[in-house]
């Protein structure tokens, strides 16, 4: 999405070409939901 020039993120970048560190953190948080809150899916 970033490199397709659709969106960009603010803060916490380790490198200009990568999403900021809080983006993988969101994915970790989301992963903890998949087998529990979303298990009916």
ModelCIF file with pLDDT and N, C-alpha, C, O atoms, coordinates in Angstrom:
data_MODEL
#
_entry.id   MODEL 
#
_entity.id                         1 
_entity.type                       polymer 
_entity.pdbx_number_of_molecules   1 
#
_entity_poly.entity_id                      1 
_entity_poly.type                           'polypeptide(L)' 
_entity_poly.nstd_linkage                   no 
_entity_poly.nstd_monomer                   no 
_entity_poly.pdbx_seq_one_letter_code       
;(UNK)(UNK)(UNK)(UNK)(UNK)(UNK)(UNK)(UNK)(UNK)(UNK)(UNK)(UNK)(UNK)(UNK)(UNK)(UNK)
(UNK)(UNK)(UNK)(UNK)(UNK)(UNK)(UNK)(UNK)(UNK)(UNK)(UNK)(UNK)(UNK)(UNK)(UNK)(UNK)
(UNK)(UNK)(UNK)(UNK)(UNK)(UNK)(UNK)(UNK)(UNK)
;
_entity_poly.pdbx_seq_one_letter_code_can   XXXXXXXXXXXXXXXXXXXXXXXXXXXXXXXXXXXXXXXXX 
_entity_poly.pdbx_strand_id                 A 
#
loop_
_entity_poly_seq.entity_id 
_entity_poly_seq.num 
_entity_poly_seq.mon_id 
_entity_poly_seq.hetero 
1 1  UNK n 
1 2  UNK n 
1 3  UNK n 
1 4  UNK n 
1 5  UNK n 
1 6  UNK n 
1 7  UNK n 
1 8  UNK n 
1 9  UNK n 
1 10 UNK n 
1 11 UNK n 
1 12 UNK n 
1 13 UNK n 
1 14 UNK n 
1 15 UNK n 
1 16 UNK n 
1 17 UNK n 
1 18 UNK n 
1 19 UNK n 
1 20 UNK n 
1 21 UNK n 
1 22 UNK n 
1 23 UNK n 
1 24 UNK n 
1 25 UNK n 
1 26 UNK n 
1 27 UNK n 
1 28 UNK n 
1 29 UNK n 
1 30 UNK n 
1 31 UNK n 
1 32 UNK n 
1 33 UNK n 
1 34 UNK n 
1 35 UNK n 
1 36 UNK n 
1 37 UNK n 
1 38 UNK n 
1 39 UNK n 
1 40 UNK n 
1 41 UNK n 
#
_struct_asym.id          A 
_struct_asym.entity_id   1 
#
loop_
_ma_qa_metric.id 
_ma_qa_metric.mode 
_ma_qa_metric.name 
_ma_qa_metric.software_group_id 
_ma_qa_metric.type 
1 global pLDDT . pLDDT 
2 local  pLDDT . pLDDT 
#
_ma_qa_metric_global.metric_id      1 
_ma_qa_metric_global.metric_value   88.93 
_ma_qa_metric_global.model_id       1 
_ma_qa_metric_global.ordinal_id     1 
#
loop_
_ma_qa_metric_local.label_asym_id 
_ma_qa_metric_local.label_comp_id 
_ma_qa_metric_local.label_seq_id 
_ma_qa_metric_local.metric_id 
_ma_qa_metric_local.metric_value 
_ma_qa_metric_local.model_id 
_ma_qa_metric_local.ordinal_id 
A UNK 1  2 92.00 1 1  
A UNK 2  2 92.00 1 2  
A UNK 3  2 93.00 1 3  
A UNK 4  2 93.00 1 4  
A UNK 5  2 93.00 1 5  
A UNK 6  2 94.00 1 6  
A UNK 7  2 94.00 1 7  
A UNK 8  2 93.00 1 8  
A UNK 9  2 93.00 1 9  
A UNK 10 2 86.00 1 10 
A UNK 11 2 78.00 1 11 
A UNK 12 2 72.00 1 12 
A UNK 13 2 78.00 1 13 
A UNK 14 2 75.00 1 14 
A UNK 15 2 81.00 1 15 
A UNK 16 2 81.00 1 16 
A UNK 17 2 85.00 1 17 
A UNK 18 2 86.00 1 18 
A UNK 19 2 89.00 1 19 
A UNK 20 2 91.00 1 20 
A UNK 21 2 90.00 1 21 
A UNK 22 2 92.00 1 22 
A UNK 23 2 92.00 1 23 
A UNK 24 2 93.00 1 24 
A UNK 25 2 94.00 1 25 
A UNK 26 2 94.00 1 26 
A UNK 27 2 94.00 1 27 
A UNK 28 2 95.00 1 28 
A UNK 29 2 95.00 1 29 
A UNK 30 2 92.00 1 30 
A UNK 31 2 92.00 1 31 
A UNK 32 2 93.00 1 32 
A UNK 33 2 91.00 1 33 
A UNK 34 2 89.00 1 34 
A UNK 35 2 88.00 1 35 
A UNK 36 2 90.00 1 36 
A UNK 37 2 89.00 1 37 
A UNK 38 2 88.00 1 38 
A UNK 39 2 86.00 1 39 
A UNK 40 2 85.00 1 40 
A UNK 41 2 85.00 1 41 
#
loop_
_atom_site.group_PDB 
_atom_site.id 
_atom_site.type_symbol 
_atom_site.label_atom_id 
_atom_site.label_alt_id 
_atom_site.label_comp_id 
_atom_site.label_asym_id 
_atom_site.label_entity_id 
_atom_site.label_seq_id 
_atom_site.pdbx_PDB_ins_code 
_atom_site.Cartn_x 
_atom_site.Cartn_y 
_atom_site.Cartn_z 
_atom_site.occupancy 
_atom_site.B_iso_or_equiv 
_atom_site.pdbx_formal_charge 
_atom_site.auth_seq_id 
_atom_site.auth_comp_id 
_atom_site.auth_asym_id 
_atom_site.auth_atom_id 
_atom_site.pdbx_PDB_model_num 
ATOM 1   N N  . UNK A 1 1  ? 0.832   -1.210  0.000  1.00 92.00 ? 1  UNK A N  1 
ATOM 2   C CA . UNK A 1 1  ? 0.000   0.000   0.000  1.00 92.00 ? 1  UNK A CA 1 
ATOM 3   C C  . UNK A 1 1  ? 0.865   1.257   0.000  1.00 92.00 ? 1  UNK A C  1 
ATOM 4   O O  . UNK A 1 1  ? 0.540   2.244   -0.661 1.00 92.00 ? 1  UNK A O  1 
ATOM 5   N N  . UNK A 1 2  ? 1.974   1.215   0.750  1.00 92.00 ? 2  UNK A N  1 
ATOM 6   C CA . UNK A 1 2  ? 2.898   2.353   0.791  1.00 92.00 ? 2  UNK A CA 1 
ATOM 7   C C  . UNK A 1 2  ? 3.566   2.571   -0.562 1.00 92.00 ? 2  UNK A C  1 
ATOM 8   O O  . UNK A 1 2  ? 3.564   3.678   -1.101 1.00 92.00 ? 2  UNK A O  1 
ATOM 9   N N  . UNK A 1 3  ? 4.138   1.494   -1.102 1.00 93.00 ? 3  UNK A N  1 
ATOM 10  C CA . UNK A 1 3  ? 4.893   1.628   -2.347 1.00 93.00 ? 3  UNK A CA 1 
ATOM 11  C C  . UNK A 1 3  ? 3.991   1.752   -3.569 1.00 93.00 ? 3  UNK A C  1 
ATOM 12  O O  . UNK A 1 3  ? 4.457   2.097   -4.655 1.00 93.00 ? 3  UNK A O  1 
ATOM 13  N N  . UNK A 1 4  ? 2.710   1.473   -3.396 1.00 93.00 ? 4  UNK A N  1 
ATOM 14  C CA . UNK A 1 4  ? 1.735   1.740   -4.446 1.00 93.00 ? 4  UNK A CA 1 
ATOM 15  C C  . UNK A 1 4  ? 1.223   3.168   -4.374 1.00 93.00 ? 4  UNK A C  1 
ATOM 16  O O  . UNK A 1 4  ? 0.301   3.548   -5.096 1.00 93.00 ? 4  UNK A O  1 
ATOM 17  N N  . UNK A 1 5  ? 1.833   3.959   -3.493 1.00 93.00 ? 5  UNK A N  1 
ATOM 18  C CA . UNK A 1 5  ? 1.477   5.368   -3.298 1.00 93.00 ? 5  UNK A CA 1 
ATOM 19  C C  . UNK A 1 5  ? 0.002   5.560   -2.955 1.00 93.00 ? 5  UNK A C  1 
ATOM 20  O O  . UNK A 1 5  ? -0.630  6.533   -3.367 1.00 93.00 ? 5  UNK A O  1 
ATOM 21  N N  . UNK A 1 6  ? -0.530  4.601   -2.185 1.00 94.00 ? 6  UNK A N  1 
ATOM 22  C CA . UNK A 1 6  ? -1.918  4.701   -1.747 1.00 94.00 ? 6  UNK A CA 1 
ATOM 23  C C  . UNK A 1 6  ? -2.024  5.347   -0.379 1.00 94.00 ? 6  UNK A C  1 
ATOM 24  O O  . UNK A 1 6  ? -2.948  6.117   -0.115 1.00 94.00 ? 6  UNK A O  1 
ATOM 25  N N  . UNK A 1 7  ? -1.055  5.024   0.508  1.00 94.00 ? 7  UNK A N  1 
ATOM 26  C CA . UNK A 1 7  ? -1.068  5.610   1.842  1.00 94.00 ? 7  UNK A CA 1 
ATOM 27  C C  . UNK A 1 7  ? 0.324   5.628   2.421  1.00 94.00 ? 7  UNK A C  1 
ATOM 28  O O  . UNK A 1 7  ? 1.245   4.998   1.900  1.00 94.00 ? 7  UNK A O  1 
ATOM 29  N N  . UNK A 1 8  ? 0.462   6.358   3.504  1.00 93.00 ? 8  UNK A N  1 
ATOM 30  C CA . UNK A 1 8  ? 1.729   6.424   4.218  1.00 93.00 ? 8  UNK A CA 1 
ATOM 31  C C  . UNK A 1 8  ? 1.417   6.478   5.708  1.00 93.00 ? 8  UNK A C  1 
ATOM 32  O O  . UNK A 1 8  ? 0.295   6.783   6.111  1.00 93.00 ? 8  UNK A O  1 
ATOM 33  N N  . UNK A 1 9  ? 2.419   6.181   6.508  1.00 93.00 ? 9  UNK A N  1 
ATOM 34  C CA . UNK A 1 9  ? 2.261   6.134   7.951  1.00 93.00 ? 9  UNK A CA 1 
ATOM 35  C C  . UNK A 1 9  ? 3.168   7.166   8.612  1.00 93.00 ? 9  UNK A C  1 
ATOM 36  O O  . UNK A 1 9  ? 4.200   7.549   8.061  1.00 93.00 ? 9  UNK A O  1 
ATOM 37  N N  . UNK A 1 10 ? 2.769   7.605   9.789  1.00 86.00 ? 10 UNK A N  1 
ATOM 38  C CA . UNK A 1 10 ? 3.508   8.615   10.541 1.00 86.00 ? 10 UNK A CA 1 
ATOM 39  C C  . UNK A 1 10 ? 4.229   7.941   11.704 1.00 86.00 ? 10 UNK A C  1 
ATOM 40  O O  . UNK A 1 10 ? 3.686   7.042   12.345 1.00 86.00 ? 10 UNK A O  1 
ATOM 41  N N  . UNK A 1 11 ? 5.438   8.376   11.965 1.00 78.00 ? 11 UNK A N  1 
ATOM 42  C CA . UNK A 1 11 ? 6.161   8.017   13.184 1.00 78.00 ? 11 UNK A CA 1 
ATOM 43  C C  . UNK A 1 11 ? 6.763   6.631   13.240 1.00 78.00 ? 11 UNK A C  1 
ATOM 44  O O  . UNK A 1 11 ? 6.248   5.683   12.648 1.00 78.00 ? 11 UNK A O  1 
ATOM 45  N N  . UNK A 1 12 ? 7.876   6.531   13.970 1.00 72.00 ? 12 UNK A N  1 
ATOM 46  C CA . UNK A 1 12 ? 8.492   5.263   14.302 1.00 72.00 ? 12 UNK A CA 1 
ATOM 47  C C  . UNK A 1 12 ? 9.187   4.518   13.174 1.00 72.00 ? 12 UNK A C  1 
ATOM 48  O O  . UNK A 1 12 ? 9.298   3.293   13.221 1.00 72.00 ? 12 UNK A O  1 
ATOM 49  N N  . UNK A 1 13 ? 9.655   5.233   12.169 1.00 78.00 ? 13 UNK A N  1 
ATOM 50  C CA . UNK A 1 13 ? 10.316  4.569   11.042 1.00 78.00 ? 13 UNK A CA 1 
ATOM 51  C C  . UNK A 1 13 ? 11.767  4.240   11.350 1.00 78.00 ? 13 UNK A C  1 
ATOM 52  O O  . UNK A 1 13 ? 12.516  5.056   11.887 1.00 78.00 ? 13 UNK A O  1 
ATOM 53  N N  . UNK A 1 14 ? 12.137  3.012   10.992 1.00 75.00 ? 14 UNK A N  1 
ATOM 54  C CA . UNK A 1 14 ? 13.536  2.612   11.081 1.00 75.00 ? 14 UNK A CA 1 
ATOM 55  C C  . UNK A 1 14 ? 14.240  2.863   9.752  1.00 75.00 ? 14 UNK A C  1 
ATOM 56  O O  . UNK A 1 14 ? 15.457  3.046   9.707  1.00 75.00 ? 14 UNK A O  1 
ATOM 57  N N  . UNK A 1 15 ? 13.457  2.868   8.664  1.00 81.00 ? 15 UNK A N  1 
ATOM 58  C CA . UNK A 1 15 ? 13.979  3.111   7.324  1.00 81.00 ? 15 UNK A CA 1 
ATOM 59  C C  . UNK A 1 15 ? 12.852  3.721   6.493  1.00 81.00 ? 15 UNK A C  1 
ATOM 60  O O  . UNK A 1 15 ? 11.692  3.344   6.656  1.00 81.00 ? 15 UNK A O  1 
ATOM 61  N N  . UNK A 1 16 ? 13.179  4.648   5.616  1.00 81.00 ? 16 UNK A N  1 
ATOM 62  C CA . UNK A 1 16 ? 12.171  5.372   4.842  1.00 81.00 ? 16 UNK A CA 1 
ATOM 63  C C  . UNK A 1 16 ? 11.322  4.463   3.955  1.00 81.00 ? 16 UNK A C  1 
ATOM 64  O O  . UNK A 1 16 ? 10.169  4.788   3.672  1.00 81.00 ? 16 UNK A O  1 
ATOM 65  N N  . UNK A 1 17 ? 11.872  3.328   3.512  1.00 85.00 ? 17 UNK A N  1 
ATOM 66  C CA . UNK A 1 17 ? 11.140  2.442   2.615  1.00 85.00 ? 17 UNK A CA 1 
ATOM 67  C C  . UNK A 1 17 ? 10.293  1.398   3.331  1.00 85.00 ? 17 UNK A C  1 
ATOM 68  O O  . UNK A 1 17 ? 9.595   0.616   2.686  1.00 85.00 ? 17 UNK A O  1 
ATOM 69  N N  . UNK A 1 18 ? 10.350  1.381   4.655  1.00 86.00 ? 18 UNK A N  1 
ATOM 70  C CA . UNK A 1 18 ? 9.624   0.378   5.428  1.00 86.00 ? 18 UNK A CA 1 
ATOM 71  C C  . UNK A 1 18 ? 8.510   1.023   6.250  1.00 86.00 ? 18 UNK A C  1 
ATOM 72  O O  . UNK A 1 18 ? 8.598   2.195   6.616  1.00 86.00 ? 18 UNK A O  1 
ATOM 73  N N  . UNK A 1 19 ? 7.460   0.245   6.536  1.00 89.00 ? 19 UNK A N  1 
ATOM 74  C CA . UNK A 1 19 ? 6.439   0.781   7.449  1.00 89.00 ? 19 UNK A CA 1 
ATOM 75  C C  . UNK A 1 19 ? 7.058   1.020   8.824  1.00 89.00 ? 19 UNK A C  1 
ATOM 76  O O  . UNK A 1 19 ? 8.025   0.350   9.188  1.00 89.00 ? 19 UNK A O  1 
ATOM 77  N N  . UNK A 1 20 ? 6.522   1.950   9.578  1.00 91.00 ? 20 UNK A N  1 
ATOM 78  C CA . UNK A 1 20 ? 7.052   2.188   10.925 1.00 91.00 ? 20 UNK A CA 1 
ATOM 79  C C  . UNK A 1 20 ? 6.853   0.956   11.810 1.00 91.00 ? 20 UNK A C  1 
ATOM 80  O O  . UNK A 1 20 ? 6.019   0.097   11.524 1.00 91.00 ? 20 UNK A O  1 
ATOM 81  N N  . UNK A 1 21 ? 7.622   0.889   12.870 1.00 90.00 ? 21 UNK A N  1 
ATOM 82  C CA . UNK A 1 21 ? 7.648   -0.271  13.752 1.00 90.00 ? 21 UNK A CA 1 
ATOM 83  C C  . UNK A 1 21 ? 6.287   -0.547  14.386 1.00 90.00 ? 21 UNK A C  1 
ATOM 84  O O  . UNK A 1 21 ? 6.006   -1.688  14.751 1.00 90.00 ? 21 UNK A O  1 
ATOM 85  N N  . UNK A 1 22 ? 5.448   0.454   14.523 1.00 92.00 ? 22 UNK A N  1 
ATOM 86  C CA . UNK A 1 22 ? 4.144   0.222   15.139 1.00 92.00 ? 22 UNK A CA 1 
ATOM 87  C C  . UNK A 1 22 ? 3.198   -0.526  14.211 1.00 92.00 ? 22 UNK A C  1 
ATOM 88  O O  . UNK A 1 22 ? 2.175   -1.031  14.674 1.00 92.00 ? 22 UNK A O  1 
ATOM 89  N N  . UNK A 1 23 ? 3.499   -0.616  12.926 1.00 92.00 ? 23 UNK A N  1 
ATOM 90  C CA . UNK A 1 23 ? 2.650   -1.384  11.999 1.00 92.00 ? 23 UNK A CA 1 
ATOM 91  C C  . UNK A 1 23 ? 2.796   -2.884  12.257 1.00 92.00 ? 23 UNK A C  1 
ATOM 92  O O  . UNK A 1 23 ? 1.779   -3.558  12.426 1.00 92.00 ? 23 UNK A O  1 
ATOM 93  N N  . UNK A 1 24 ? 4.012   -3.441  12.295 1.00 93.00 ? 24 UNK A N  1 
ATOM 94  C CA . UNK A 1 24 ? 4.103   -4.861  12.685 1.00 93.00 ? 24 UNK A CA 1 
ATOM 95  C C  . UNK A 1 24 ? 3.531   -5.110  14.081 1.00 93.00 ? 24 UNK A C  1 
ATOM 96  O O  . UNK A 1 24 ? 2.998   -6.187  14.347 1.00 93.00 ? 24 UNK A O  1 
ATOM 97  N N  . UNK A 1 25 ? 3.639   -4.124  14.972 1.00 94.00 ? 25 UNK A N  1 
ATOM 98  C CA . UNK A 1 25 ? 3.060   -4.275  16.311 1.00 94.00 ? 25 UNK A CA 1 
ATOM 99  C C  . UNK A 1 25 ? 1.547   -4.450  16.221 1.00 94.00 ? 25 UNK A C  1 
ATOM 100 O O  . UNK A 1 25 ? 0.965   -5.246  16.958 1.00 94.00 ? 25 UNK A O  1 
ATOM 101 N N  . UNK A 1 26 ? 0.915   -3.710  15.322 1.00 94.00 ? 26 UNK A N  1 
ATOM 102 C CA . UNK A 1 26 ? -0.528  -3.879  15.115 1.00 94.00 ? 26 UNK A CA 1 
ATOM 103 C C  . UNK A 1 26 ? -0.849  -5.279  14.607 1.00 94.00 ? 26 UNK A C  1 
ATOM 104 O O  . UNK A 1 26 ? -1.859  -5.868  14.994 1.00 94.00 ? 26 UNK A O  1 
ATOM 105 N N  . UNK A 1 27 ? -0.005  -5.804  13.754 1.00 94.00 ? 27 UNK A N  1 
ATOM 106 C CA . UNK A 1 27 ? -0.248  -7.143  13.231 1.00 94.00 ? 27 UNK A CA 1 
ATOM 107 C C  . UNK A 1 27 ? -0.088  -8.202  14.319 1.00 94.00 ? 27 UNK A C  1 
ATOM 108 O O  . UNK A 1 27 ? -0.811  -9.198  14.325 1.00 94.00 ? 27 UNK A O  1 
ATOM 109 N N  . UNK A 1 28 ? 0.842   -7.996  15.227 1.00 95.00 ? 28 UNK A N  1 
ATOM 110 C CA . UNK A 1 28 ? 0.971   -8.912  16.376 1.00 95.00 ? 28 UNK A CA 1 
ATOM 111 C C  . UNK A 1 28 ? -0.309  -8.860  17.201 1.00 95.00 ? 28 UNK A C  1 
ATOM 112 O O  . UNK A 1 28 ? -0.871  -9.897  17.553 1.00 95.00 ? 28 UNK A O  1 
ATOM 113 N N  . UNK A 1 29 ? -0.762  -7.660  17.504 1.00 95.00 ? 29 UNK A N  1 
ATOM 114 C CA . UNK A 1 29 ? -1.998  -7.497  18.261 1.00 95.00 ? 29 UNK A CA 1 
ATOM 115 C C  . UNK A 1 29 ? -3.172  -8.161  17.542 1.00 95.00 ? 29 UNK A C  1 
ATOM 116 O O  . UNK A 1 29 ? -3.980  -8.848  18.166 1.00 95.00 ? 29 UNK A O  1 
ATOM 117 N N  . UNK A 1 30 ? -3.259  -7.953  16.243 1.00 92.00 ? 30 UNK A N  1 
ATOM 118 C CA . UNK A 1 30 ? -4.348  -8.535  15.465 1.00 92.00 ? 30 UNK A CA 1 
ATOM 119 C C  . UNK A 1 30 ? -4.267  -10.062 15.455 1.00 92.00 ? 30 UNK A C  1 
ATOM 120 O O  . UNK A 1 30 ? -5.295  -10.736 15.524 1.00 92.00 ? 30 UNK A O  1 
ATOM 121 N N  . UNK A 1 31 ? -3.077  -10.599 15.371 1.00 92.00 ? 31 UNK A N  1 
ATOM 122 C CA . UNK A 1 31 ? -2.904  -12.056 15.347 1.00 92.00 ? 31 UNK A CA 1 
ATOM 123 C C  . UNK A 1 31 ? -3.451  -12.698 16.613 1.00 92.00 ? 31 UNK A C  1 
ATOM 124 O O  . UNK A 1 31 ? -3.964  -13.817 16.567 1.00 92.00 ? 31 UNK A O  1 
ATOM 125 N N  . UNK A 1 32 ? -3.349  -12.007 17.738 1.00 93.00 ? 32 UNK A N  1 
ATOM 126 C CA . UNK A 1 32 ? -3.849  -12.548 19.001 1.00 93.00 ? 32 UNK A CA 1 
ATOM 127 C C  . UNK A 1 32 ? -5.373  -12.625 19.028 1.00 93.00 ? 32 UNK A C  1 
ATOM 128 O O  . UNK A 1 32 ? -5.948  -13.310 19.873 1.00 93.00 ? 32 UNK A O  1 
ATOM 129 N N  . UNK A 1 33 ? -6.011  -11.936 18.122 1.00 91.00 ? 33 UNK A N  1 
ATOM 130 C CA . UNK A 1 33 ? -7.472  -11.941 18.008 1.00 91.00 ? 33 UNK A CA 1 
ATOM 131 C C  . UNK A 1 33 ? -7.977  -13.095 17.142 1.00 91.00 ? 33 UNK A C  1 
ATOM 132 O O  . UNK A 1 33 ? -9.096  -13.569 17.335 1.00 91.00 ? 33 UNK A O  1 
ATOM 133 N N  . UNK A 1 34 ? -7.167  -13.543 16.201 1.00 89.00 ? 34 UNK A N  1 
ATOM 134 C CA . UNK A 1 34 ? -7.644  -14.485 15.184 1.00 89.00 ? 34 UNK A CA 1 
ATOM 135 C C  . UNK A 1 34 ? -8.163  -15.809 15.733 1.00 89.00 ? 34 UNK A C  1 
ATOM 136 O O  . UNK A 1 34 ? -9.201  -16.283 15.271 1.00 89.00 ? 34 UNK A O  1 
ATOM 137 N N  . UNK A 1 35 ? -7.500  -16.410 16.675 1.00 88.00 ? 35 UNK A N  1 
ATOM 138 C CA . UNK A 1 35 ? -7.925  -17.712 17.185 1.00 88.00 ? 35 UNK A CA 1 
ATOM 139 C C  . UNK A 1 35 ? -8.885  -17.628 18.359 1.00 88.00 ? 35 UNK A C  1 
ATOM 140 O O  . UNK A 1 35 ? -9.298  -18.653 18.903 1.00 88.00 ? 35 UNK A O  1 
ATOM 141 N N  . UNK A 1 36 ? -9.236  -16.429 18.744 1.00 90.00 ? 36 UNK A N  1 
ATOM 142 C CA . UNK A 1 36 ? -10.080 -16.274 19.924 1.00 90.00 ? 36 UNK A CA 1 
ATOM 143 C C  . UNK A 1 36 ? -11.314 -15.446 19.566 1.00 90.00 ? 36 UNK A C  1 
ATOM 144 O O  . UNK A 1 36 ? -12.394 -16.004 19.371 1.00 90.00 ? 36 UNK A O  1 
ATOM 145 N N  . UNK A 1 37 ? -11.169 -14.143 19.479 1.00 89.00 ? 37 UNK A N  1 
ATOM 146 C CA . UNK A 1 37 ? -12.299 -13.283 19.157 1.00 89.00 ? 37 UNK A CA 1 
ATOM 147 C C  . UNK A 1 37 ? -12.887 -13.555 17.780 1.00 89.00 ? 37 UNK A C  1 
ATOM 148 O O  . UNK A 1 37 ? -14.072 -13.309 17.552 1.00 89.00 ? 37 UNK A O  1 
ATOM 149 N N  . UNK A 1 38 ? -12.071 -14.062 16.858 1.00 88.00 ? 38 UNK A N  1 
ATOM 150 C CA . UNK A 1 38 ? -12.547 -14.347 15.495 1.00 88.00 ? 38 UNK A CA 1 
ATOM 151 C C  . UNK A 1 38 ? -12.584 -15.843 15.188 1.00 88.00 ? 38 UNK A C  1 
ATOM 152 O O  . UNK A 1 38 ? -12.619 -16.229 14.019 1.00 88.00 ? 38 UNK A O  1 
ATOM 153 N N  . UNK A 1 39 ? -12.578 -16.679 16.207 1.00 86.00 ? 39 UNK A N  1 
ATOM 154 C CA . UNK A 1 39 ? -12.501 -18.126 15.956 1.00 86.00 ? 39 UNK A CA 1 
ATOM 155 C C  . UNK A 1 39 ? -13.704 -18.683 15.213 1.00 86.00 ? 39 UNK A C  1 
ATOM 156 O O  . UNK A 1 39 ? -13.592 -19.719 14.559 1.00 86.00 ? 39 UNK A O  1 
ATOM 157 N N  . UNK A 1 40 ? -14.853 -18.019 15.298 1.00 85.00 ? 40 UNK A N  1 
ATOM 158 C CA . UNK A 1 40 ? -16.025 -18.502 14.565 1.00 85.00 ? 40 UNK A CA 1 
ATOM 159 C C  . UNK A 1 40 ? -15.862 -18.366 13.055 1.00 85.00 ? 40 UNK A C  1 
ATOM 160 O O  . UNK A 1 40 ? -16.656 -18.920 12.295 1.00 85.00 ? 40 UNK A O  1 
ATOM 161 N N  . UNK A 1 41 ? -14.851 -17.642 12.619 1.00 85.00 ? 41 UNK A N  1 
ATOM 162 C CA . UNK A 1 41 ? -14.602 -17.462 11.193 1.00 85.00 ? 41 UNK A CA 1 
ATOM 163 C C  . UNK A 1 41 ? -13.704 -18.552 10.598 1.00 85.00 ? 41 UNK A C  1 
ATOM 164 O O  . UNK A 1 41 ? -13.411 -18.526 9.403  1.00 85.00 ? 41 UNK A O  1 
#
